[in-house]
Amino acid sequence: MRVLVVDDDEDIRESTVMLLEAYGHDVAAEKDAGRVFARVEEFRPDVVLQDVNMPGLEMRLHLEGLARLSPGLPVVLFTASVQLDEVRGLPGVAFVVSKPFEAEDLEDTLEAAVAGYRAAAGTP
């Protein structure tokens, strides 16, 4: 699985990348929300793991832009401070994960997001 991790917190970003690589995934990371669209075009991820609280980011507009750029691309949001109900139902959001998270829970969530996308697209 190709995962794009987006978080402005360097420690969280790097530890999440290491965790996902330990699970055998191909992982790219981005700290700047303004570069996410370019990274999606370059890296072609199967799923985006995105922090909710990024400086200068209007999440609804960001997700709408991702949906136009890569229709059906599942996004898993992770957050430590935002109420989960506030982000559920935003465009393209497959799941919401609370920080801190358990490694196996994150892995299961990412797999479910990608499996759901593939089932909807009719691909294996």
PDB file of N, CA and C in Angstrom:
ATOM      1  N   MET A   1       0.846  -1.171   0.000  1.00  0.00           N
ATOM      2  CA  MET A   1       0.000   0.000   0.000  1.00  0.00           C
ATOM      3  C   MET A   1       0.893   1.237   0.000  1.00  0.00           C
ATOM      4  N   ARG A   2       0.498   2.214  -0.775  1.00  0.00           N
ATOM      5  CA  ARG A   2       1.216   3.494  -0.835  1.00  0.00           C
ATOM      6  C   ARG A   2       0.447   4.499   0.025  1.00  0.00           C
ATOM      7  N   VAL A   3       1.130   5.030   1.045  1.00  0.00           N
ATOM      8  CA  VAL A   3       0.487   5.917   2.013  1.00  0.00           C
ATOM      9  C   VAL A   3       1.197   7.264   2.016  1.00  0.00           C
ATOM     10  N   LEU A   4       0.424   8.329   1.886  1.00  0.00           N
ATOM     11  CA  LEU A   4       0.960   9.679   2.041  1.00  0.00           C
ATOM     12  C   LEU A   4       0.561  10.159   3.428  1.00  0.00           C
ATOM     13  N   VAL A   5       1.556  10.436   4.271  1.00  0.00           N
ATOM     14  CA  VAL A   5       1.337  10.927   5.634  1.00  0.00           C
ATOM     15  C   VAL A   5       1.514  12.439   5.620  1.00  0.00           C
ATOM     16  N   VAL A   6       0.493  13.158   6.104  1.00  0.00           N
ATOM     17  CA  VAL A   6       0.522  14.617   6.113  1.00  0.00           C
ATOM     18  C   VAL A   6       0.329  15.099   7.554  1.00  0.00           C
ATOM     19  N   ASP A   7       1.385  15.685   8.100  1.00  0.00           N
ATOM     20  CA  ASP A   7       1.317  16.225   9.462  1.00  0.00           C
ATOM     21  C   ASP A   7       2.423  17.251   9.615  1.00  0.00           C
ATOM     22  N   ASP A   8       2.099  18.390  10.226  1.00  0.00           N
ATOM     23  CA  ASP A   8       3.107  19.426  10.414  1.00  0.00           C
ATOM     24  C   ASP A   8       3.996  19.153  11.623  1.00  0.00           C
ATOM     25  N   ASP A   9       3.618  18.216  12.480  1.00  0.00           N
ATOM     26  CA  ASP A   9       4.422  17.853  13.644  1.00  0.00           C
ATOM     27  C   ASP A   9       5.471  16.828  13.227  1.00  0.00           C
ATOM     28  N   GLU A  10       6.729  17.238  13.250  1.00  0.00           N
ATOM     29  CA  GLU A  10       7.809  16.382  12.746  1.00  0.00           C
ATOM     30  C   GLU A  10       7.893  15.052  13.481  1.00  0.00           C
ATOM     31  N   ASP A  11       7.772  15.059  14.790  1.00  0.00           N
ATOM     32  CA  ASP A  11       7.872  13.815  15.554  1.00  0.00           C
ATOM     33  C   ASP A  11       6.768  12.835  15.176  1.00  0.00           C
ATOM     34  N   ILE A  12       5.543  13.322  15.100  1.00  0.00           N
ATOM     35  CA  ILE A  12       4.423  12.452  14.736  1.00  0.00           C
ATOM     36  C   ILE A  12       4.582  11.959  13.308  1.00  0.00           C
ATOM     37  N   ARG A  13       4.954  12.864  12.412  1.00  0.00           N
ATOM     38  CA  ARG A  13       5.116  12.500  11.000  1.00  0.00           C
ATOM     39  C   ARG A  13       6.170  11.409  10.846  1.00  0.00           C
ATOM     40  N   GLU A  14       7.341  11.619  11.454  1.00  0.00           N
ATOM     41  CA  GLU A  14       8.434  10.654  11.303  1.00  0.00           C
ATOM     42  C   GLU A  14       8.116   9.321  11.979  1.00  0.00           C
ATOM     43  N   SER A  15       7.507   9.347  13.151  1.00  0.00           N
ATOM     44  CA  SER A  15       7.192   8.081  13.820  1.00  0.00           C
ATOM     45  C   SER A  15       6.109   7.317  13.058  1.00  0.00           C
ATOM     46  N   THR A  16       5.169   8.036  12.468  1.00  0.00           N
ATOM     47  CA  THR A  16       4.126   7.380  11.682  1.00  0.00           C
ATOM     48  C   THR A  16       4.714   6.765  10.419  1.00  0.00           C
ATOM     49  N   VAL A  17       5.621   7.461   9.774  1.00  0.00           N
ATOM     50  CA  VAL A  17       6.291   6.924   8.585  1.00  0.00           C
ATOM     51  C   VAL A  17       7.047   5.643   8.947  1.00  0.00           C
ATOM     52  N   MET A  18       7.807   5.676  10.043  1.00  0.00           N
ATOM     53  CA  MET A  18       8.566   4.488  10.458  1.00  0.00           C
ATOM     54  C   MET A  18       7.634   3.319  10.769  1.00  0.00           C
ATOM     55  N   LEU A  19       6.533   3.600  11.436  1.00  0.00           N
ATOM     56  CA  LEU A  19       5.564   2.566  11.763  1.00  0.00           C
ATOM     57  C   LEU A  19       4.999   1.920  10.499  1.00  0.00           C
ATOM     58  N   LEU A  20       4.576   2.754   9.555  1.00  0.00           N
ATOM     59  CA  LEU A  20       3.978   2.228   8.335  1.00  0.00           C
ATOM     60  C   LEU A  20       5.000   1.489   7.471  1.00  0.00           C
ATOM     61  N   GLU A  21       6.227   1.972   7.455  1.00  0.00           N
ATOM     62  CA  GLU A  21       7.279   1.252   6.728  1.00  0.00           C
ATOM     63  C   GLU A  21       7.553  -0.098   7.371  1.00  0.00           C
ATOM     64  N   ALA A  22       7.461  -0.181   8.692  1.00  0.00           N
ATOM     65  CA  ALA A  22       7.652  -1.460   9.385  1.00  0.00           C
ATOM     66  C   ALA A  22       6.567  -2.463   8.993  1.00  0.00           C
ATOM     67  N   TYR A  23       5.397  -1.958   8.625  1.00  0.00           N
ATOM     68  CA  TYR A  23       4.320  -2.823   8.135  1.00  0.00           C
ATOM     69  C   TYR A  23       4.491  -3.165   6.652  1.00  0.00           C
ATOM     70  N   GLY A  24       5.544  -2.634   6.038  1.00  0.00           N
ATOM     71  CA  GLY A  24       5.851  -2.967   4.651  1.00  0.00           C
ATOM     72  C   GLY A  24       5.242  -2.044   3.612  1.00  0.00           C
ATOM     73  N   HIS A  25       4.758  -0.900   4.034  1.00  0.00           N
ATOM     74  CA  HIS A  25       4.135   0.027   3.089  1.00  0.00           C
ATOM     75  C   HIS A  25       5.166   0.964   2.473  1.00  0.00           C
ATOM     76  N   ASP A  26       4.853   1.436   1.285  1.00  0.00           N
ATOM     77  CA  ASP A  26       5.622   2.478   0.610  1.00  0.00           C
ATOM     78  C   ASP A  26       5.041   3.800   1.108  1.00  0.00           C
ATOM     79  N   VAL A  27       5.859   4.608   1.784  1.00  0.00           N
ATOM     80  CA  VAL A  27       5.344   5.782   2.473  1.00  0.00           C
ATOM     81  C   VAL A  27       6.074   7.046   2.023  1.00  0.00           C
ATOM     82  N   ALA A  28       5.298   8.092   1.808  1.00  0.00           N
ATOM     83  CA  ALA A  28       5.842   9.434   1.576  1.00  0.00           C
ATOM     84  C   ALA A  28       5.249  10.333   2.655  1.00  0.00           C
ATOM     85  N   ALA A  29       5.950  11.423   2.941  1.00  0.00           N
ATOM     86  CA  ALA A  29       5.472  12.318   3.986  1.00  0.00           C
ATOM     87  C   ALA A  29       5.509  13.759   3.497  1.00  0.00           C
ATOM     88  N   GLU A  30       4.594  14.541   4.044  1.00  0.00           N
ATOM     89  CA  GLU A  30       4.531  15.964   3.712  1.00  0.00           C
ATOM     90  C   GLU A  30       4.177  16.739   4.973  1.00  0.00           C
ATOM     91  N   LYS A  31       4.899  17.834   5.210  1.00  0.00           N
ATOM     92  CA  LYS A  31       4.630  18.663   6.383  1.00  0.00           C
ATOM     93  C   LYS A  31       3.817  19.900   6.035  1.00  0.00           C
ATOM     94  N   ASP A  32       3.739  20.233   4.776  1.00  0.00           N
ATOM     95  CA  ASP A  32       3.096  21.458   4.320  1.00  0.00           C
ATOM     96  C   ASP A  32       1.795  21.117   3.591  1.00  0.00           C
ATOM     97  N   ALA A  33       0.668  21.518   4.173  1.00  0.00           N
ATOM     98  CA  ALA A  33      -0.624  21.218   3.557  1.00  0.00           C
ATOM     99  C   ALA A  33      -0.739  21.795   2.149  1.00  0.00           C
ATOM    100  N   GLY A  34      -0.030  22.880   1.886  1.00  0.00           N
ATOM    101  CA  GLY A  34      -0.056  23.489   0.563  1.00  0.00           C
ATOM    102  C   GLY A  34       0.620  22.653  -0.512  1.00  0.00           C
ATOM    103  N   ARG A  35       1.400  21.660  -0.116  1.00  0.00           N
ATOM    104  CA  ARG A  35       2.100  20.796  -1.069  1.00  0.00           C
ATOM    105  C   ARG A  35       1.426  19.434  -1.264  1.00  0.00           C
ATOM    106  N   VAL A  36       0.330  19.206  -0.571  1.00  0.00           N
ATOM    107  CA  VAL A  36      -0.302  17.885  -0.614  1.00  0.00           C
ATOM    108  C   VAL A  36      -0.753  17.525  -2.022  1.00  0.00           C
ATOM    109  N   PHE A  37      -1.361  18.456  -2.749  1.00  0.00           N
ATOM    110  CA  PHE A  37      -1.850  18.129  -4.090  1.00  0.00           C
ATOM    111  C   PHE A  37      -0.698  17.704  -4.993  1.00  0.00           C
ATOM    112  N   ALA A  38       0.412  18.429  -4.943  1.00  0.00           N
ATOM    113  CA  ALA A  38       1.574  18.063  -5.753  1.00  0.00           C
ATOM    114  C   ALA A  38       2.105  16.693  -5.347  1.00  0.00           C
ATOM    115  N   ARG A  39       2.136  16.417  -4.046  1.00  0.00           N
ATOM    116  CA  ARG A  39       2.625  15.109  -3.586  1.00  0.00           C
ATOM    117  C   ARG A  39       1.713  13.979  -4.030  1.00  0.00           C
ATOM    118  N   VAL A  40       0.411  14.224  -4.047  1.00  0.00           N
ATOM    119  CA  VAL A  40      -0.529  13.208  -4.528  1.00  0.00           C
ATOM    120  C   VAL A  40      -0.266  12.921  -6.002  1.00  0.00           C
ATOM    121  N   GLU A  41      -0.057  13.962  -6.792  1.00  0.00           N
ATOM    122  CA  GLU A  41       0.224  13.757  -8.209  1.00  0.00           C
ATOM    123  C   GLU A  41       1.541  13.031  -8.429  1.00  0.00           C
ATOM    124  N   GLU A  42       2.565  13.354  -7.640  1.00  0.00           N
ATOM    125  CA  GLU A  42       3.886  12.729  -7.781  1.00  0.00           C
ATOM    126  C   GLU A  42       3.901  11.294  -7.284  1.00  0.00           C
ATOM    127  N   PHE A  43       3.334  11.059  -6.120  1.00  0.00           N
ATOM    128  CA  PHE A  43       3.468   9.781  -5.410  1.00  0.00           C
ATOM    129  C   PHE A  43       2.360   8.786  -5.739  1.00  0.00           C
ATOM    130  N   ARG A  44       1.180   9.278  -6.096  1.00  0.00           N
ATOM    131  CA  ARG A  44       0.019   8.436  -6.406  1.00  0.00           C
ATOM    132  C   ARG A  44      -0.297   7.454  -5.273  1.00  0.00           C
ATOM    133  N   PRO A  45      -0.637   7.980  -4.085  1.00  0.00           N
ATOM    134  CA  PRO A  45      -0.900   7.103  -2.942  1.00  0.00           C
ATOM    135  C   PRO A  45      -2.211   6.337  -3.089  1.00  0.00           C
ATOM    136  N   ASP A  46      -2.297   5.223  -2.365  1.00  0.00           N
ATOM    137  CA  ASP A  46      -3.552   4.475  -2.260  1.00  0.00           C
ATOM    138  C   ASP A  46      -4.460   5.099  -1.216  1.00  0.00           C
ATOM    139  N   VAL A  47      -3.846   5.807  -0.263  1.00  0.00           N
ATOM    140  CA  VAL A  47      -4.590   6.433   0.824  1.00  0.00           C
ATOM    141  C   VAL A  47      -3.766   7.603   1.363  1.00  0.00           C
ATOM    142  N   VAL A  48      -4.460   8.635   1.834  1.00  0.00           N
ATOM    143  CA  VAL A  48      -3.813   9.772   2.478  1.00  0.00           C
ATOM    144  C   VAL A  48      -4.168   9.726   3.960  1.00  0.00           C
ATOM    145  N   LEU A  49      -3.156   9.805   4.809  1.00  0.00           N
ATOM    146  CA  LEU A  49      -3.336   9.903   6.252  1.00  0.00           C
ATOM    147  C   LEU A  49      -3.004  11.335   6.617  1.00  0.00           C
ATOM    148  N   GLN A  50      -4.014  12.113   6.979  1.00  0.00           N
ATOM    149  CA  GLN A  50      -3.882  13.565   7.101  1.00  0.00           C
ATOM    150  C   GLN A  50      -4.266  14.042   8.492  1.00  0.00           C
ATOM    151  N   ASP A  51      -3.398  14.854   9.087  1.00  0.00           N
ATOM    152  CA  ASP A  51      -3.722  15.518  10.343  1.00  0.00           C
ATOM    153  C   ASP A  51      -4.794  16.567  10.082  1.00  0.00           C
ATOM    154  N   VAL A  52      -5.713  16.701  11.014  1.00  0.00           N
ATOM    155  CA  VAL A  52      -6.794  17.677  10.858  1.00  0.00           C
ATOM    156  C   VAL A  52      -6.305  19.096  11.108  1.00  0.00           C
ATOM    157  N   ASN A  53      -5.486  19.278  12.123  1.00  0.00           N
ATOM    158  CA  ASN A  53      -5.071  20.622  12.543  1.00  0.00           C
ATOM    159  C   ASN A  53      -3.759  21.026  11.905  1.00  0.00           C
ATOM    160  N   MET A  54      -3.849  21.549  10.704  1.00  0.00           N
ATOM    161  CA  MET A  54      -2.668  22.022   9.983  1.00  0.00           C
ATOM    162  C   MET A  54      -2.799  23.538   9.827  1.00  0.00           C
ATOM    163  N   PRO A  55      -1.714  24.280  10.028  1.00  0.00           N
ATOM    164  CA  PRO A  55      -1.769  25.743   9.924  1.00  0.00           C
ATOM    165  C   PRO A  55      -2.274  26.205   8.556  1.00  0.00           C
ATOM    166  N   GLY A  56      -3.226  27.123   8.586  1.00  0.00           N
ATOM    167  CA  GLY A  56      -3.725  27.737   7.363  1.00  0.00           C
ATOM    168  C   GLY A  56      -4.559  26.835   6.485  1.00  0.00           C
ATOM    169  N   LEU A  57      -5.053  25.729   7.022  1.00  0.00           N
ATOM    170  CA  LEU A  57      -5.781  24.764   6.199  1.00  0.00           C
ATOM    171  C   LEU A  57      -7.268  24.817   6.500  1.00  0.00           C
ATOM    172  N   GLU A  58      -8.073  25.039   5.469  1.00  0.00           N
ATOM    173  CA  GLU A  58      -9.524  24.913   5.570  1.00  0.00           C
ATOM    174  C   GLU A  58      -9.849  23.503   5.097  1.00  0.00           C
ATOM    175  N   MET A  59     -10.139  22.605   6.045  1.00  0.00           N
ATOM    176  CA  MET A  59     -10.235  21.173   5.754  1.00  0.00           C
ATOM    177  C   MET A  59     -11.268  20.840   4.679  1.00  0.00           C
ATOM    178  N   ARG A  60     -12.446  21.432   4.745  1.00  0.00           N
ATOM    179  CA  ARG A  60     -13.468  21.100   3.738  1.00  0.00           C
ATOM    180  C   ARG A  60     -12.979  21.439   2.328  1.00  0.00           C
ATOM    181  N   LEU A  61     -12.418  22.617   2.131  1.00  0.00           N
ATOM    182  CA  LEU A  61     -11.907  23.011   0.811  1.00  0.00           C
ATOM    183  C   LEU A  61     -10.749  22.115   0.379  1.00  0.00           C
ATOM    184  N   HIS A  62      -9.883  21.779   1.324  1.00  0.00           N
ATOM    185  CA  HIS A  62      -8.754  20.898   1.036  1.00  0.00           C
ATOM    186  C   HIS A  62      -9.250  19.530   0.545  1.00  0.00           C
ATOM    187  N   LEU A  63     -10.211  18.964   1.252  1.00  0.00           N
ATOM    188  CA  LEU A  63     -10.738  17.648   0.879  1.00  0.00           C
ATOM    189  C   LEU A  63     -11.483  17.690  -0.450  1.00  0.00           C
ATOM    190  N   GLU A  64     -12.198  18.765  -0.699  1.00  0.00           N
ATOM    191  CA  GLU A  64     -12.877  18.914  -1.990  1.00  0.00           C
ATOM    192  C   GLU A  64     -11.855  18.970  -3.124  1.00  0.00           C
ATOM    193  N   GLY A  65     -10.743  19.669  -2.896  1.00  0.00           N
ATOM    194  CA  GLY A  65      -9.678  19.733  -3.892  1.00  0.00           C
ATOM    195  C   GLY A  65      -9.046  18.373  -4.138  1.00  0.00           C
ATOM    196  N   LEU A  66      -8.815  17.614  -3.069  1.00  0.00           N
ATOM    197  CA  LEU A  66      -8.270  16.254  -3.233  1.00  0.00           C
ATOM    198  C   LEU A  66      -9.228  15.384  -4.029  1.00  0.00           C
ATOM    199  N   ALA A  67     -10.518  15.507  -3.745  1.00  0.00           N
ATOM    200  CA  ALA A  67     -11.519  14.700  -4.454  1.00  0.00           C
ATOM    201  C   ALA A  67     -11.553  15.027  -5.945  1.00  0.00           C
ATOM    202  N   ARG A  68     -11.356  16.306  -6.291  1.00  0.00           N
ATOM    203  CA  ARG A  68     -11.313  16.679  -7.714  1.00  0.00           C
ATOM    204  C   ARG A  68     -10.030  16.169  -8.368  1.00  0.00           C
ATOM    205  N   LEU A  69      -8.924  16.256  -7.645  1.00  0.00           N
ATOM    206  CA  LEU A  69      -7.627  15.837  -8.175  1.00  0.00           C
ATOM    207  C   LEU A  69      -7.551  14.331  -8.368  1.00  0.00           C
ATOM    208  N   SER A  70      -8.046  13.602  -7.393  1.00  0.00           N
ATOM    209  CA  SER A  70      -7.947  12.141  -7.407  1.00  0.00           C
ATOM    210  C   SER A  70      -9.263  11.553  -6.901  1.00  0.00           C
ATOM    211  N   PRO A  71     -10.259  11.489  -7.781  1.00  0.00           N
ATOM    212  CA  PRO A  71     -11.587  11.029  -7.358  1.00  0.00           C
ATOM    213  C   PRO A  71     -11.523   9.651  -6.688  1.00  0.00           C
ATOM    214  N   GLY A  72     -12.172   9.560  -5.538  1.00  0.00           N
ATOM    215  CA  GLY A  72     -12.236   8.291  -4.824  1.00  0.00           C
ATOM    216  C   GLY A  72     -11.064   8.001  -3.915  1.00  0.00           C
ATOM    217  N   LEU A  73     -10.028   8.842  -3.943  1.00  0.00           N
ATOM    218  CA  LEU A  73      -8.871   8.613  -3.078  1.00  0.00           C
ATOM    219  C   LEU A  73      -9.331   8.671  -1.625  1.00  0.00           C
ATOM    220  N   PRO A  74      -9.161   7.577  -0.867  1.00  0.00           N
ATOM    221  CA  PRO A  74      -9.601   7.614   0.523  1.00  0.00           C
ATOM    222  C   PRO A  74      -8.658   8.443   1.384  1.00  0.00           C
ATOM    223  N   VAL A  75      -9.265   9.187   2.293  1.00  0.00           N
ATOM    224  CA  VAL A  75      -8.517  10.004   3.233  1.00  0.00           C
ATOM    225  C   VAL A  75      -8.872   9.529   4.644  1.00  0.00           C
ATOM    226  N   VAL A  76      -7.842   9.256   5.422  1.00  0.00           N
ATOM    227  CA  VAL A  76      -8.022   8.944   6.830  1.00  0.00           C
ATOM    228  C   VAL A  76      -7.488  10.146   7.595  1.00  0.00           C
ATOM    229  N   LEU A  77      -8.365  10.782   8.357  1.00  0.00           N
ATOM    230  CA  LEU A  77      -7.959  11.932   9.152  1.00  0.00           C
ATOM    231  C   LEU A  77      -7.532  11.458  10.526  1.00  0.00           C
ATOM    232  N   PHE A  78      -6.482  12.080  11.052  1.00  0.00           N
ATOM    233  CA  PHE A  78      -6.151  11.804  12.438  1.00  0.00           C
ATOM    234  C   PHE A  78      -6.025  13.098  13.199  1.00  0.00           C
ATOM    235  N   THR A  79      -6.497  13.044  14.450  1.00  0.00           N
ATOM    236  CA  THR A  79      -6.623  14.264  15.231  1.00  0.00           C
ATOM    237  C   THR A  79      -6.465  13.991  16.713  1.00  0.00           C
ATOM    238  N   ALA A  80      -5.926  14.961  17.411  1.00  0.00           N
ATOM    239  CA  ALA A  80      -5.806  14.875  18.864  1.00  0.00           C
ATOM    240  C   ALA A  80      -6.799  15.801  19.546  1.00  0.00           C
ATOM    241  N   SER A  81      -7.239  16.850  18.853  1.00  0.00           N
ATOM    242  CA  SER A  81      -8.008  17.872  19.559  1.00  0.00           C
ATOM    243  C   SER A  81      -9.388  18.170  18.988  1.00  0.00           C
ATOM    244  N   VAL A  82      -9.646  17.812  17.760  1.00  0.00           N
ATOM    245  CA  VAL A  82     -10.934  18.136  17.146  1.00  0.00           C
ATOM    246  C   VAL A  82     -11.959  17.071  17.519  1.00  0.00           C
ATOM    247  N   GLN A  83     -13.167  17.496  17.770  1.00  0.00           N
ATOM    248  CA  GLN A  83     -14.239  16.546  18.025  1.00  0.00           C
ATOM    249  C   GLN A  83     -14.443  15.689  16.774  1.00  0.00           C
ATOM    250  N   LEU A  84     -14.528  14.385  16.969  1.00  0.00           N
ATOM    251  CA  LEU A  84     -14.661  13.487  15.827  1.00  0.00           C
ATOM    252  C   LEU A  84     -15.905  13.782  15.003  1.00  0.00           C
ATOM    253  N   ASP A  85     -16.980  14.177  15.654  1.00  0.00           N
ATOM    254  CA  ASP A  85     -18.214  14.459  14.921  1.00  0.00           C
ATOM    255  C   ASP A  85     -18.064  15.644  13.971  1.00  0.00           C
ATOM    256  N   GLU A  86     -17.112  16.528  14.246  1.00  0.00           N
ATOM    257  CA  GLU A  86     -16.908  17.706  13.400  1.00  0.00           C
ATOM    258  C   GLU A  86     -16.279  17.359  12.050  1.00  0.00           C
ATOM    259  N   VAL A  87     -15.562  16.254  11.976  1.00  0.00           N
ATOM    260  CA  VAL A  87     -14.873  15.922  10.732  1.00  0.00           C
ATOM    261  C   VAL A  87     -15.488  14.727  10.004  1.00  0.00           C
ATOM    262  N   ARG A  88     -16.299  13.955  10.695  1.00  0.00           N
ATOM    263  CA  ARG A  88     -16.980  12.851  10.010  1.00  0.00           C
ATOM    264  C   ARG A  88     -17.923  13.433   8.971  1.00  0.00           C
ATOM    265  N   GLY A  89     -17.997  12.804   7.828  1.00  0.00           N
ATOM    266  CA  GLY A  89     -18.894  13.265   6.786  1.00  0.00           C
ATOM    267  C   GLY A  89     -18.311  14.314   5.864  1.00  0.00           C
ATOM    268  N   LEU A  90     -17.072  14.736   6.116  1.00  0.00           N
ATOM    269  CA  LEU A  90     -16.432  15.652   5.172  1.00  0.00           C
ATOM    270  C   LEU A  90     -16.115  14.884   3.890  1.00  0.00           C
ATOM    271  N   PRO A  91     -16.020  15.562   2.754  1.00  0.00           N
ATOM    272  CA  PRO A  91     -15.813  14.883   1.467  1.00  0.00           C
ATOM    273  C   PRO A  91     -14.545  14.025   1.461  1.00  0.00           C
ATOM    274  N   GLY A  92     -14.690  12.762   1.053  1.00  0.00           N
ATOM    275  CA  GLY A  92     -13.543  11.878   0.879  1.00  0.00           C
ATOM    276  C   GLY A  92     -13.025  11.236   2.149  1.00  0.00           C
ATOM    277  N   VAL A  93     -13.593  11.575   3.310  1.00  0.00           N
ATOM    278  CA  VAL A  93     -13.087  11.025   4.565  1.00  0.00           C
ATOM    279  C   VAL A  93     -13.615   9.607   4.741  1.00  0.00           C
ATOM    280  N   ALA A  94     -12.696   8.652   4.731  1.00  0.00           N
ATOM    281  CA  ALA A  94     -13.061   7.253   4.906  1.00  0.00           C
ATOM    282  C   ALA A  94     -13.190   6.923   6.392  1.00  0.00           C
ATOM    283  N   PHE A  95     -12.240   7.401   7.189  1.00  0.00           N
ATOM    284  CA  PHE A  95     -12.213   7.128   8.623  1.00  0.00           C
ATOM    285  C   PHE A  95     -11.569   8.300   9.346  1.00  0.00           C
ATOM    286  N   VAL A  96     -11.806   8.360  10.646  1.00  0.00           N
ATOM    287  CA  VAL A  96     -11.156   9.330  11.518  1.00  0.00           C
ATOM    288  C   VAL A  96     -10.517   8.545  12.655  1.00  0.00           C
ATOM    289  N   VAL A  97      -9.238   8.834  12.920  1.00  0.00           N
ATOM    290  CA  VAL A  97      -8.481   8.137  13.959  1.00  0.00           C
ATOM    291  C   VAL A  97      -8.057   9.166  14.996  1.00  0.00           C
ATOM    292  N   SER A  98      -8.218   8.825  16.263  1.00  0.00           N
ATOM    293  CA  SER A  98      -7.781   9.710  17.343  1.00  0.00           C
ATOM    294  C   SER A  98      -6.321   9.467  17.669  1.00  0.00           C
ATOM    295  N   LYS A  99      -5.593  10.565  17.922  1.00  0.00           N
ATOM    296  CA  LYS A  99      -4.219  10.464  18.409  1.00  0.00           C
ATOM    297  C   LYS A  99      -4.275  10.462  19.922  1.00  0.00           C
ATOM    298  N   PRO A 100      -3.473   9.710  20.598  1.00  0.00           N
ATOM    299  CA  PRO A 100      -2.562   8.702  20.055  1.00  0.00           C
ATOM    300  C   PRO A 100      -3.346   7.478  19.602  1.00  0.00           C
ATOM    301  N   PHE A 101      -2.762   6.732  18.695  1.00  0.00           N
ATOM    302  CA  PHE A 101      -3.422   5.552  18.157  1.00  0.00           C
ATOM    303  C   PHE A 101      -2.529   4.338  18.360  1.00  0.00           C
ATOM    304  N   GLU A 102      -3.154   3.181  18.359  1.00  0.00           N
ATOM    305  CA  GLU A 102      -2.419   1.917  18.428  1.00  0.00           C
ATOM    306  C   GLU A 102      -1.990   1.551  17.014  1.00  0.00           C
ATOM    307  N   ALA A 103      -0.801   1.006  16.875  1.00  0.00           N
ATOM    308  CA  ALA A 103      -0.252   0.658  15.558  1.00  0.00           C
ATOM    309  C   ALA A 103      -1.188  -0.268  14.784  1.00  0.00           C
ATOM    310  N   GLU A 104      -1.671  -1.308  15.427  1.00  0.00           N
ATOM    311  CA  GLU A 104      -2.543  -2.258  14.729  1.00  0.00           C
ATOM    312  C   GLU A 104      -3.861  -1.616  14.320  1.00  0.00           C
ATOM    313  N   ASP A 105      -4.386  -0.716  15.162  1.00  0.00           N
ATOM    314  CA  ASP A 105      -5.629  -0.033  14.814  1.00  0.00           C
ATOM    315  C   ASP A 105      -5.452   0.851  13.579  1.00  0.00           C
ATOM    316  N   LEU A 106      -4.327   1.558  13.524  1.00  0.00           N
ATOM    317  CA  LEU A 106      -4.053   2.394  12.364  1.00  0.00           C
ATOM    318  C   LEU A 106      -3.910   1.538  11.119  1.00  0.00           C
ATOM    319  N   GLU A 107      -3.169   0.457  11.212  1.00  0.00           N
ATOM    320  CA  GLU A 107      -2.981  -0.450  10.078  1.00  0.00           C
ATOM    321  C   GLU A 107      -4.325  -0.989   9.594  1.00  0.00           C
ATOM    322  N   ASP A 108      -5.156  -1.451  10.506  1.00  0.00           N
ATOM    323  CA  ASP A 108      -6.474  -1.976  10.138  1.00  0.00           C
ATOM    324  C   ASP A 108      -7.332  -0.905   9.475  1.00  0.00           C
ATOM    325  N   THR A 109      -7.263   0.309   9.976  1.00  0.00           N
ATOM    326  CA  THR A 109      -8.049   1.407   9.417  1.00  0.00           C
ATOM    327  C   THR A 109      -7.603   1.741   7.999  1.00  0.00           C
ATOM    328  N   LEU A 110      -6.304   1.825   7.782  1.00  0.00           N
ATOM    329  CA  LEU A 110      -5.799   2.114   6.432  1.00  0.00           C
ATOM    330  C   LEU A 110      -6.178   1.010   5.452  1.00  0.00           C
ATOM    331  N   GLU A 111      -6.050  -0.235   5.885  1.00  0.00           N
ATOM    332  CA  GLU A 111      -6.430  -1.362   5.010  1.00  0.00           C
ATOM    333  C   GLU A 111      -7.916  -1.312   4.680  1.00  0.00           C
ATOM    334  N   ALA A 112      -8.746  -0.989   5.669  1.00  0.00           N
ATOM    335  CA  ALA A 112     -10.184  -0.898   5.427  1.00  0.00           C
ATOM    336  C   ALA A 112     -10.519   0.236   4.462  1.00  0.00           C
ATOM    337  N   ALA A 113      -9.831   1.360   4.595  1.00  0.00           N
ATOM    338  CA  ALA A 113     -10.069   2.497   3.701  1.00  0.00           C
ATOM    339  C   ALA A 113      -9.736   2.137   2.264  1.00  0.00           C
ATOM    340  N   VAL A 114      -8.599   1.495   2.058  1.00  0.00           N
ATOM    341  CA  VAL A 114      -8.180   1.116   0.707  1.00  0.00           C
ATOM    342  C   VAL A 114      -9.086   0.014   0.162  1.00  0.00           C
ATOM    343  N   ALA A 115      -9.442  -0.954   0.990  1.00  0.00           N
ATOM    344  CA  ALA A 115     -10.334  -2.036   0.542  1.00  0.00           C
ATOM    345  C   ALA A 115     -11.690  -1.474   0.129  1.00  0.00           C
ATOM    346  N   GLY A 116     -12.191  -0.504   0.891  1.00  0.00           N
ATOM    347  CA  GLY A 116     -13.473   0.117   0.546  1.00  0.00           C
ATOM    348  C   GLY A 116     -13.403   0.855  -0.776  1.00  0.00           C
ATOM    349  N   TYR A 117     -12.306   1.557  -1.006  1.00  0.00           N
ATOM    350  CA  TYR A 117     -12.120   2.270  -2.268  1.00  0.00           C
ATOM    351  C   TYR A 117     -12.057   1.282  -3.435  1.00  0.00           C
ATOM    352  N   ARG A 118     -11.274   0.219  -3.249  1.00  0.00           N
ATOM    353  CA  ARG A 118     -11.128  -0.762  -4.327  1.00  0.00           C
ATOM    354  C   ARG A 118     -12.456  -1.475  -4.617  1.00  0.00           C
ATOM    355  N   ALA A 119     -13.221  -1.771  -3.587  1.00  0.00           N
ATOM    356  CA  ALA A 119     -14.513  -2.411  -3.794  1.00  0.00           C
ATOM    357  C   ALA A 119     -15.454  -1.482  -4.560  1.00  0.00           C
ATOM    358  N   ALA A 120     -15.438  -0.203  -4.198  1.00  0.00           N
ATOM    359  CA  ALA A 120     -16.308   0.769  -4.891  1.00  0.00           C
ATOM    360  C   ALA A 120     -15.880   0.948  -6.345  1.00  0.00           C
ATOM    361  N   ALA A 121     -14.568   0.840  -6.601  1.00  0.00           N
ATOM    362  CA  ALA A 121     -14.054   1.010  -7.960  1.00  0.00           C
ATOM    363  C   ALA A 121     -14.099  -0.280  -8.763  1.00  0.00           C
ATOM    364  N   GLY A 122     -14.377  -1.396  -8.082  1.00  0.00           N
ATOM    365  CA  GLY A 122     -14.424  -2.685  -8.776  1.00  0.00           C
ATOM    366  C   GLY A 122     -13.066  -3.234  -9.147  1.00  0.00           C
ATOM    367  N   THR A 123     -12.032  -2.871  -8.358  1.00  0.00           N
ATOM    368  CA  THR A 123     -10.681  -3.385  -8.609  1.00  0.00           C
ATOM    369  C   THR A 123     -10.240  -4.254  -7.430  1.00  0.00           C
ATOM    370  N   PRO A 124      -9.351  -5.215  -7.703  1.00  0.00           N
ATOM    371  CA  PRO A 124      -8.904  -6.108  -6.614  1.00  0.00           C
ATOM    372  C   PRO A 124      -7.976  -5.435  -5.629  1.00  0.00           C
TER     373      PRO A 124
END
